[in-house]
Each structure stands twice: as C-alpha cells, then as structure tokens.
Protein backbone atom coordinates (compact mmCIF):
# COMPACT_ATOMS: atom_id res chain seq x y z
CA UNK A 1 -14.31 95.90 -34.27
CA UNK A 2 -10.44 97.22 -34.48
CA UNK A 3 -11.91 100.35 -32.88
CA UNK A 4 -13.57 98.63 -30.06
CA UNK A 5 -10.47 96.15 -29.40
CA UNK A 6 -8.24 99.64 -29.26
CA UNK A 7 -10.52 101.54 -27.04
CA UNK A 8 -10.48 98.32 -24.40
CA UNK A 9 -6.74 98.21 -24.87
CA UNK A 10 -6.07 101.79 -23.95
CA UNK A 11 -8.73 101.27 -20.99
CA UNK A 12 -6.76 98.61 -19.63
CA UNK A 13 -3.90 100.51 -20.09
CA UNK A 14 -4.97 103.48 -18.12
CA UNK A 15 -6.21 100.77 -15.32
CA UNK A 16 -2.46 99.82 -15.26
CA UNK A 17 -1.15 103.14 -14.83
CA UNK A 18 -3.42 104.08 -12.15
CA UNK A 19 -2.75 101.08 -10.20
CA UNK A 20 0.98 101.83 -10.46
CA UNK A 21 0.59 105.38 -9.12
CA UNK A 22 -1.48 104.06 -6.28
CA UNK A 23 0.93 101.31 -5.40
CA UNK A 24 3.50 103.96 -5.33
CA UNK A 25 1.56 106.46 -3.60
CA UNK A 26 0.86 103.78 -0.64
CA UNK A 27 5.00 102.97 -0.49
CA UNK A 28 5.51 105.99 -0.08
CA UNK A 29 2.97 106.96 2.92
CA UNK A 30 4.26 103.62 4.30
CA UNK A 31 7.93 104.85 4.39
CA UNK A 32 7.09 108.11 5.97
CA UNK A 33 5.04 106.40 8.68
CA UNK A 34 8.08 104.15 9.20
CA UNK A 35 10.33 107.00 9.03
CA UNK A 36 8.57 109.35 11.42
CA UNK A 37 8.06 105.95 13.87
CA UNK A 38 11.86 105.75 14.13
CA UNK A 39 12.27 109.28 14.30
CA UNK A 40 9.46 109.21 17.22
CA UNK A 41 11.49 106.30 18.83
CA UNK A 42 14.75 108.25 18.41
CA UNK A 43 13.13 111.32 20.12
CA UNK A 44 11.91 109.26 23.04
CA UNK A 45 15.21 107.64 23.41
CA UNK A 46 17.35 110.81 23.42
CA UNK A 47 16.56 111.79 27.15
CA UNK A 48 17.58 108.67 28.00
CA UNK A 49 20.93 108.75 26.34
CA UNK A 50 21.44 111.85 27.36
CA UNK A 51 20.83 110.63 31.01
CA UNK A 52 23.07 107.54 30.37
CA UNK A 53 25.66 109.72 29.47
CA UNK A 54 25.27 112.23 31.86
CA UNK A 55 25.22 109.65 35.00
CA UNK A 56 29.21 108.65 34.57
CA UNK A 57 30.41 112.73 34.24
CA UNK A 58 28.17 112.96 37.50
CA UNK A 59 29.92 110.14 38.99
CA UNK A 60 33.35 111.30 38.01
CA UNK A 61 32.72 114.65 40.14
CA UNK A 62 35.80 115.53 42.29
CA UNK A 63 34.82 114.70 45.81
CA UNK A 64 36.26 117.07 48.15
CA UNK A 65 36.09 117.01 52.04
CA UNK A 66 36.53 119.97 54.21
CA UNK A 67 37.37 119.79 57.91
CA UNK A 68 35.32 122.75 59.62
CA UNK A 69 32.70 125.75 58.30
CA UNK A 70 34.93 127.99 57.49
CA UNK A 71 36.95 125.92 55.11
CA UNK A 72 34.03 124.25 53.71
CA UNK A 73 32.51 127.87 53.05
CA UNK A 74 35.57 129.06 51.05
CA UNK A 75 35.81 125.50 49.11
CA UNK A 76 32.46 125.35 48.43
CA UNK A 77 32.23 128.96 46.83
CA UNK A 78 35.70 128.11 44.76
CA UNK A 79 34.22 124.63 43.88
CA UNK A 80 30.49 125.68 42.92
CA UNK A 81 29.07 122.62 41.40
CA UNK A 82 32.20 121.58 39.64
CA UNK A 83 33.07 119.05 42.71
CA UNK A 84 31.24 117.50 45.45
CA UNK A 85 31.97 119.22 48.76
CA UNK A 86 31.08 117.90 52.25
CA UNK A 87 32.44 118.59 55.89
CA UNK A 88 33.80 116.90 58.49
CA UNK A 89 32.99 118.53 61.76
CA UNK A 90 29.18 119.11 61.71
CA UNK A 91 28.50 123.21 61.90
CA UNK A 92 26.71 122.96 65.05
CA UNK A 93 29.67 121.00 66.59
CA UNK A 94 32.78 122.91 68.24
CA UNK A 95 36.06 121.71 66.21
CA UNK A 96 38.00 122.22 69.67
CA UNK A 97 36.68 118.88 71.25
CA UNK A 98 35.47 117.21 68.17
CA UNK A 99 36.26 113.60 68.12
CA UNK A 100 36.29 111.72 64.89
CA UNK A 101 34.11 109.10 63.88
CA UNK A 102 33.95 106.00 61.60
CA UNK A 103 31.93 108.09 58.81
CA UNK A 104 34.82 110.33 58.66
CA UNK A 105 37.05 107.77 58.12
CA UNK A 106 35.01 106.37 55.34
CA UNK A 107 34.43 109.86 53.70
CA UNK A 108 38.17 110.53 53.79
CA UNK A 109 38.75 107.36 51.96
CA UNK A 110 36.58 107.70 49.46
CA UNK A 111 37.89 111.44 48.71
CA UNK A 112 39.87 112.93 46.21
CA UNK A 113 40.55 115.90 48.32
CA UNK A 114 41.09 117.10 51.64
CA UNK A 115 40.95 120.47 52.52
CA UNK A 116 42.05 121.75 55.96
CA UNK A 117 42.38 124.75 57.76
CA UNK A 118 45.72 124.06 59.21
CA UNK A 119 47.79 125.75 62.15
CA UNK A 120 47.06 122.88 64.54
CA UNK A 121 43.25 123.66 64.90
CA UNK A 122 42.27 119.89 63.38
CA UNK A 123 43.88 117.65 66.21
CA UNK A 124 41.62 115.02 65.13
CA UNK A 125 42.55 114.93 61.73
CA UNK A 126 45.90 112.80 61.39
CA UNK A 127 45.15 109.53 62.78
CA UNK A 128 41.62 109.77 61.28
CA UNK A 129 43.81 110.25 57.77
CA UNK A 130 45.72 107.45 58.34
CA UNK A 131 43.17 105.39 59.69
CA UNK A 132 41.38 106.40 56.03
CA UNK A 133 44.46 104.68 53.97
CA UNK A 134 43.81 106.73 51.15
CA UNK A 135 47.21 107.09 48.96
CA UNK A 136 45.68 108.91 46.28
CA UNK A 137 44.32 112.01 48.65
CA UNK A 138 45.31 115.21 47.90
CA UNK A 139 45.70 117.27 51.00
CA UNK A 140 45.03 121.37 50.97
CA UNK A 141 46.49 123.15 53.58
CA UNK A 142 44.60 126.46 53.57
CA UNK A 143 46.51 128.52 55.74
CA UNK A 144 49.79 127.73 54.09
CA UNK A 145 52.08 130.61 53.47
CA UNK A 146 50.29 132.81 56.33
CA UNK A 147 52.29 134.57 58.51
CA UNK A 148 50.80 133.61 62.11
CA UNK A 149 50.92 135.99 65.09
CA UNK A 150 51.24 134.11 68.74
CA UNK A 151 48.14 133.52 70.62
CA UNK A 152 46.69 136.34 73.04
CA UNK A 153 48.00 135.81 76.50
CA UNK A 154 45.82 135.47 79.54
CA UNK A 155 45.31 138.95 81.06
CA UNK A 156 47.87 138.72 83.67
CA UNK A 157 50.34 138.77 81.11
CA UNK A 158 50.85 141.78 78.24
CA UNK A 159 48.16 142.10 76.02
CA UNK A 160 50.18 141.01 72.69
CA UNK A 161 51.35 137.98 74.52
CA UNK A 162 54.49 136.09 75.31
CA UNK A 163 55.63 133.27 72.93
CA UNK A 164 53.82 130.05 74.84
CA UNK A 165 51.08 128.52 72.75
CA UNK A 166 48.98 126.38 75.32
CA UNK A 167 45.34 126.40 75.15
CA UNK A 168 45.22 124.86 78.55
CA UNK A 169 43.27 126.47 81.56
CA UNK A 170 41.19 125.77 84.80
CA UNK A 171 38.75 123.60 82.92
CA UNK A 172 41.15 120.88 82.27
CA UNK A 173 41.79 121.64 78.57
CA UNK A 174 44.82 121.42 76.57
CA UNK A 175 44.96 122.72 72.89
CA UNK A 176 48.50 123.24 71.96
CA UNK A 177 48.66 125.55 68.32
CA UNK A 178 52.89 125.45 68.23
CA UNK A 179 51.94 126.72 64.58
CA UNK A 180 50.49 129.88 66.01
CA UNK A 181 46.98 131.31 66.29
CA UNK A 182 44.64 129.07 63.80
CA UNK A 183 41.73 131.61 63.85
CA UNK A 184 43.21 133.45 60.37
CA UNK A 185 39.75 133.41 58.85
CA UNK A 186 38.37 135.93 60.86
CA UNK A 187 40.89 138.69 58.90
CA UNK A 188 39.28 139.15 55.65
CA UNK A 189 42.44 139.73 54.11
CA UNK A 190 43.99 136.32 55.15
CA UNK A 191 40.56 134.56 53.94
CA UNK A 192 41.75 135.72 50.72
CA UNK A 193 44.76 133.94 50.92
CA UNK A 194 42.85 130.93 52.07
CA UNK A 195 40.36 130.93 49.19
CA UNK A 196 43.67 131.29 47.14
CA UNK A 197 45.06 128.43 48.45
CA UNK A 198 41.97 126.42 48.06
CA UNK A 199 41.57 127.43 44.40
CA UNK A 200 45.10 126.31 43.32
CA UNK A 201 44.99 122.85 44.97
CA UNK A 202 41.62 122.59 43.31
CA UNK A 203 43.19 123.32 40.04
CA UNK A 204 46.45 120.90 40.66
CA UNK A 205 44.09 118.08 41.49
CA UNK A 206 41.58 118.83 39.04
CA UNK A 207 43.05 121.05 35.71
CA UNK A 208 39.60 120.09 34.15
CA UNK A 209 37.93 122.44 36.18
CA UNK A 210 39.91 125.41 36.25
CA UNK A 211 37.87 127.82 34.34
CA UNK A 212 35.25 127.22 36.93
CA UNK A 213 37.72 127.23 39.69
CA UNK A 214 39.40 130.55 38.82
CA UNK A 215 36.12 132.25 38.16
CA UNK A 216 34.65 131.41 41.35
CA UNK A 217 37.48 132.44 43.38
CA UNK A 218 37.79 135.61 41.44
CA UNK A 219 34.05 136.55 42.42
CA UNK A 220 34.31 135.38 45.95
CA UNK A 221 37.77 137.38 46.74
CA UNK A 222 36.00 140.45 45.29
CA UNK A 223 33.10 140.15 48.14
CA UNK A 224 36.07 139.73 50.74
CA UNK A 225 37.78 143.06 49.46
CA UNK A 226 34.70 144.82 49.84
CA UNK A 227 34.35 143.38 53.35
CA UNK A 228 37.64 144.37 54.01
CA UNK A 229 36.62 147.83 53.04
CA UNK A 230 33.81 148.21 54.91
CA UNK A 231 35.77 147.01 58.48
CA UNK A 232 38.43 149.73 57.42
CA UNK A 233 35.83 152.59 56.93
CA UNK A 234 33.51 151.41 60.07
CA UNK A 235 36.68 150.55 62.41
CA UNK A 236 38.80 153.43 61.64
CA UNK A 237 36.42 155.78 64.09
CA UNK A 238 37.30 153.68 67.11
CA UNK A 239 40.99 153.29 66.82
CA UNK A 240 42.85 151.10 69.72
CA UNK A 241 39.40 149.63 71.18
CA UNK A 242 40.08 147.32 73.88
CA UNK A 243 37.37 144.22 73.94
CA UNK A 244 37.47 141.03 76.06
CA UNK A 245 36.51 137.88 74.53
CA UNK A 246 36.28 134.19 76.08
CA UNK A 247 37.48 132.65 72.92
CA UNK A 248 41.05 133.73 71.93
CA UNK A 249 39.98 133.58 68.22
CA UNK A 250 40.04 137.54 67.04
CA UNK A 251 43.73 138.20 67.33
CA UNK A 252 44.09 138.62 63.52
CA UNK A 253 41.12 140.73 63.07
CA UNK A 254 42.21 142.87 65.95
CA UNK A 255 45.64 143.27 64.43
CA UNK A 256 44.38 144.06 60.94
CA UNK A 257 41.97 146.90 61.97
CA UNK A 258 44.11 148.23 65.02
CA UNK A 259 42.23 147.15 67.86
CA UNK A 260 42.90 144.98 70.86
CA UNK A 261 41.75 142.02 72.17
CA UNK A 262 42.49 140.31 75.63
CA UNK A 263 41.11 136.63 75.83
CA UNK A 264 40.20 135.70 79.12
CA UNK A 265 39.73 131.95 78.00
CA UNK A 266 41.21 130.80 75.36
CA UNK A 267 38.68 128.31 73.89
CA UNK A 268 35.02 128.90 74.10
CA UNK A 269 33.20 127.67 77.02
CA UNK A 270 29.51 127.33 77.84
CA UNK A 271 29.81 127.99 81.48
CA UNK A 272 32.64 130.28 82.64
CA UNK A 273 34.29 129.36 86.28
CA UNK A 274 34.57 131.58 89.31
CA UNK A 275 38.48 132.09 87.86
CA UNK A 276 37.36 133.29 84.33
CA UNK A 277 35.30 135.61 85.85
CA UNK A 278 38.24 137.09 88.14
CA UNK A 279 40.31 137.26 85.08
CA UNK A 280 37.85 139.59 83.33
CA UNK A 281 37.35 142.01 86.31
CA UNK A 282 41.26 142.18 86.53
CA UNK A 283 41.16 142.64 82.19
CA UNK A 284 38.71 145.37 82.84
CA UNK A 285 40.38 147.20 85.46
CA UNK A 286 44.07 146.93 83.80
CA UNK A 287 43.12 147.91 80.03
CA UNK A 288 40.01 150.42 80.24
CA UNK A 289 37.86 147.82 78.46
CA UNK A 290 35.19 149.31 76.31
CA UNK A 291 33.43 146.16 75.31
CA UNK A 292 32.81 142.16 76.75
CA UNK A 293 31.93 139.55 74.13
CA UNK A 294 31.02 135.96 74.22
CA UNK A 295 30.48 133.33 72.13
CA UNK A 296 27.13 132.62 70.02
CA UNK A 297 25.28 129.84 72.43
CA UNK A 298 27.40 131.03 75.70
CA UNK A 299 24.66 132.01 78.50
CA UNK A 300 25.42 131.70 82.28
CA UNK A 301 24.51 133.53 85.33
CA UNK A 302 28.39 134.37 86.11
CA UNK A 303 28.67 136.19 82.65
CA UNK A 304 25.56 138.29 83.07
CA UNK A 305 26.33 139.12 86.99
CA UNK A 306 29.77 140.27 85.58
CA UNK A 307 28.55 142.62 82.84
CA UNK A 308 26.29 143.77 85.38
CA UNK A 309 28.79 144.74 87.81
CA UNK A 310 31.13 146.06 85.32
CA UNK A 311 28.46 148.17 83.88
CA UNK A 312 29.57 146.66 80.35
CA UNK A 313 27.05 144.88 77.97
CA UNK A 314 27.57 141.97 76.61
CA UNK A 315 27.75 140.90 73.24
CA UNK A 316 27.51 138.40 70.93
CA UNK A 317 31.11 137.66 68.32
CA UNK A 318 30.81 134.67 66.12
CA UNK A 319 34.29 133.25 65.50
CA UNK A 320 32.04 131.30 62.28
CA UNK A 321 33.01 128.05 63.92
CA UNK A 322 29.33 127.10 63.92
CA UNK A 323 26.69 128.20 61.56
CA UNK A 324 25.17 127.98 58.14
CA UNK A 325 26.36 126.14 55.34
CA UNK A 326 25.89 128.78 52.24
CA UNK A 327 28.96 130.37 51.23
CA UNK A 328 27.22 133.30 51.67
CA UNK A 329 27.00 133.06 55.27
CA UNK A 330 30.60 134.13 55.90
CA UNK A 331 29.93 137.47 55.03
CA UNK A 332 26.52 137.67 56.74
CA UNK A 333 27.85 136.79 59.89
CA UNK A 334 31.19 138.81 59.54
CA UNK A 335 28.96 142.02 58.76
CA UNK A 336 27.09 141.55 62.06
CA UNK A 337 30.31 140.72 63.79
CA UNK A 338 31.41 144.64 62.49
CA UNK A 339 28.39 146.01 63.76
CA UNK A 340 28.46 144.44 67.12
CA UNK A 341 31.86 145.60 67.08
CA UNK A 342 31.45 149.00 66.19
CA UNK A 343 28.72 149.29 68.83
CA UNK A 344 31.04 147.74 71.59
CA UNK A 345 33.91 150.25 70.90
CA UNK A 346 31.61 153.38 70.82
C-alpha cells in the first residue's frame, strides 16, 4: 500500500516537472517570435527612417544659379552633387540679346549663390537681381582678378584695337563692356582662374562641403592644364596665324597662343550684312588672312559667297555660349576648336 502511494506521488511529480518544462519552452518560443517580429518591423521601418533623415539633408543642399553656359559648366564641375546648380540663360540662347523672365527672378529669389561671368556680359542681371529681393544671396564673380584686354577693333583700325569698348555696329545693337572683353573662358589658362574663383566662393558660402569643392576643382583644373598643353603643342606650328571671326570672342585665346584675331562683327549674327562682308574683304586683303571662321548656326548666302570669292573655306569656331550642359562639354568643344584652328591656319 505504501509502495503504491509512493509510486503515485512520484508519477505526479514527474508530470508536474514535465508541465513546467513545457510551459517554459512555450514561453521562450513566444518570446523569440515576438523578438523576431519586432526585429522585422524595425528592419522594415529602417529605410523609411533613413529616407526621412535623408530628405531634410537633400532639401538643405545649397542652391546655386549660374548665368551662362560656361559658368554653369565650371560651377557644376566644382559643385558635383554637393549643391543643386541651375542655369539662367538657356544653353540654346545667345546671352548678348537675352531678356530675363519672371522665372529667372524666382530662381534668384530662392537661391543661395549666384555665379556670373562678369565683365559686363550679363547685361540683364542687375535689374533681375534687384527684382528678386534676396538679401541673403551670395554673388560670385568668376572673372574677379583676371586682367582683361580691350576688345579687338573693327578691321579699319589696327589688329590690336583701340581703347574703345563699343559693341555697336550696322545692325543697331549696342553692347558696352567697359571692363574689357568678357570672353575669358575661351582661354584655358583664364578658365582655370574662373574655376578657382568659383571654388573659393562656394567654400566661403558652404564650408561644410569644402573638401568636395576642393577635390572637384583640382580634378577639373588638371584637365584644363592638359588642354592648355595641347593648344600650345599644336598651335606653335602655325605662329602668327591671322584669322577672321564674326564674333569678337577669341582675343584671349589668340593672345595666349600667339595668333591674331580680326573681328569683323563684334557680336554674333545669324545674317551678315553687305557691310560686314565688305569688312571681311578688306581684312583678307590687309592682313593676309589664312582662315575665316563663323559661329555655330550662322549660315547664309553672303557668307558662302564671300568664302568663294576669297578662295577661303568657312569653318566653325565655337564660343561655347550655347551647347551641352555636361561639364566635359567644355573640353570636347575646345578640342574641336583647336583642330579647326590648326586646319584653318595651315
């Protein structure tokens, strides 16, 4: 009897232990499932949290507005992805006759930084900035500190020009650049100075991204150094080559590489007048011109007839005031210009 009671008690104890072990196992399993569920929820929420954290950062990117294509190319190269860079004058539009729009005023009003070429090129800019009423706008003059040269005079004067700065001619346009010829970006060496000015301005306004601006500028300046070497090596074979242009845009390039530019028309024209053609004829006779260069998009019967009469080939020389927005476009267009000059000066 006593043995039976002991056996029964032992059996109950084993059942109790088994119950406790089972209960513990279930508790651990439930806890793990809850923990895994919490981890899964955390994992699902992480991208959203990261995105939420990234959105303010992207909104806080410095907003930069560049005026014309060359300053845009240089600014975009230096800024990279560290700033949002936009352009005022569309890269299909000639800056010389550009009229600002209400959208331009809005863009400047919301911008942190404005980058201009300077030297009087952006004639529309002063009134546009004034209308934008942005007291916190930082202005970067890409041509600051660059020693300018006078514009090349019409062919009835000397090749080196007088001290006049008028852009007026028979078509009735008047573009006064009292600070000298503004087309400094067409000289790779002066382009380096513009990139440096833009870099320093961006760093001063946005020091958080200093390392990025410095690294990007250094890489672009190295490319400009390489381009300068290519121009020197190629054009030293044709020293003192005199070429006619229908846009007074290349005096810096000519001076840098020992060439001579004769500008018949000081600003680009889609259609040349008989007076322009007569000036070109005089220039060819006076300067023993080897090359005749037109602007991209300029194609008319007077120019074709002039080339035939003078037994010269009309070639295209790009001032880079229109073109592609890729910062590498500068090098593509300039290397094309180099080949064109080399061929025209043979």
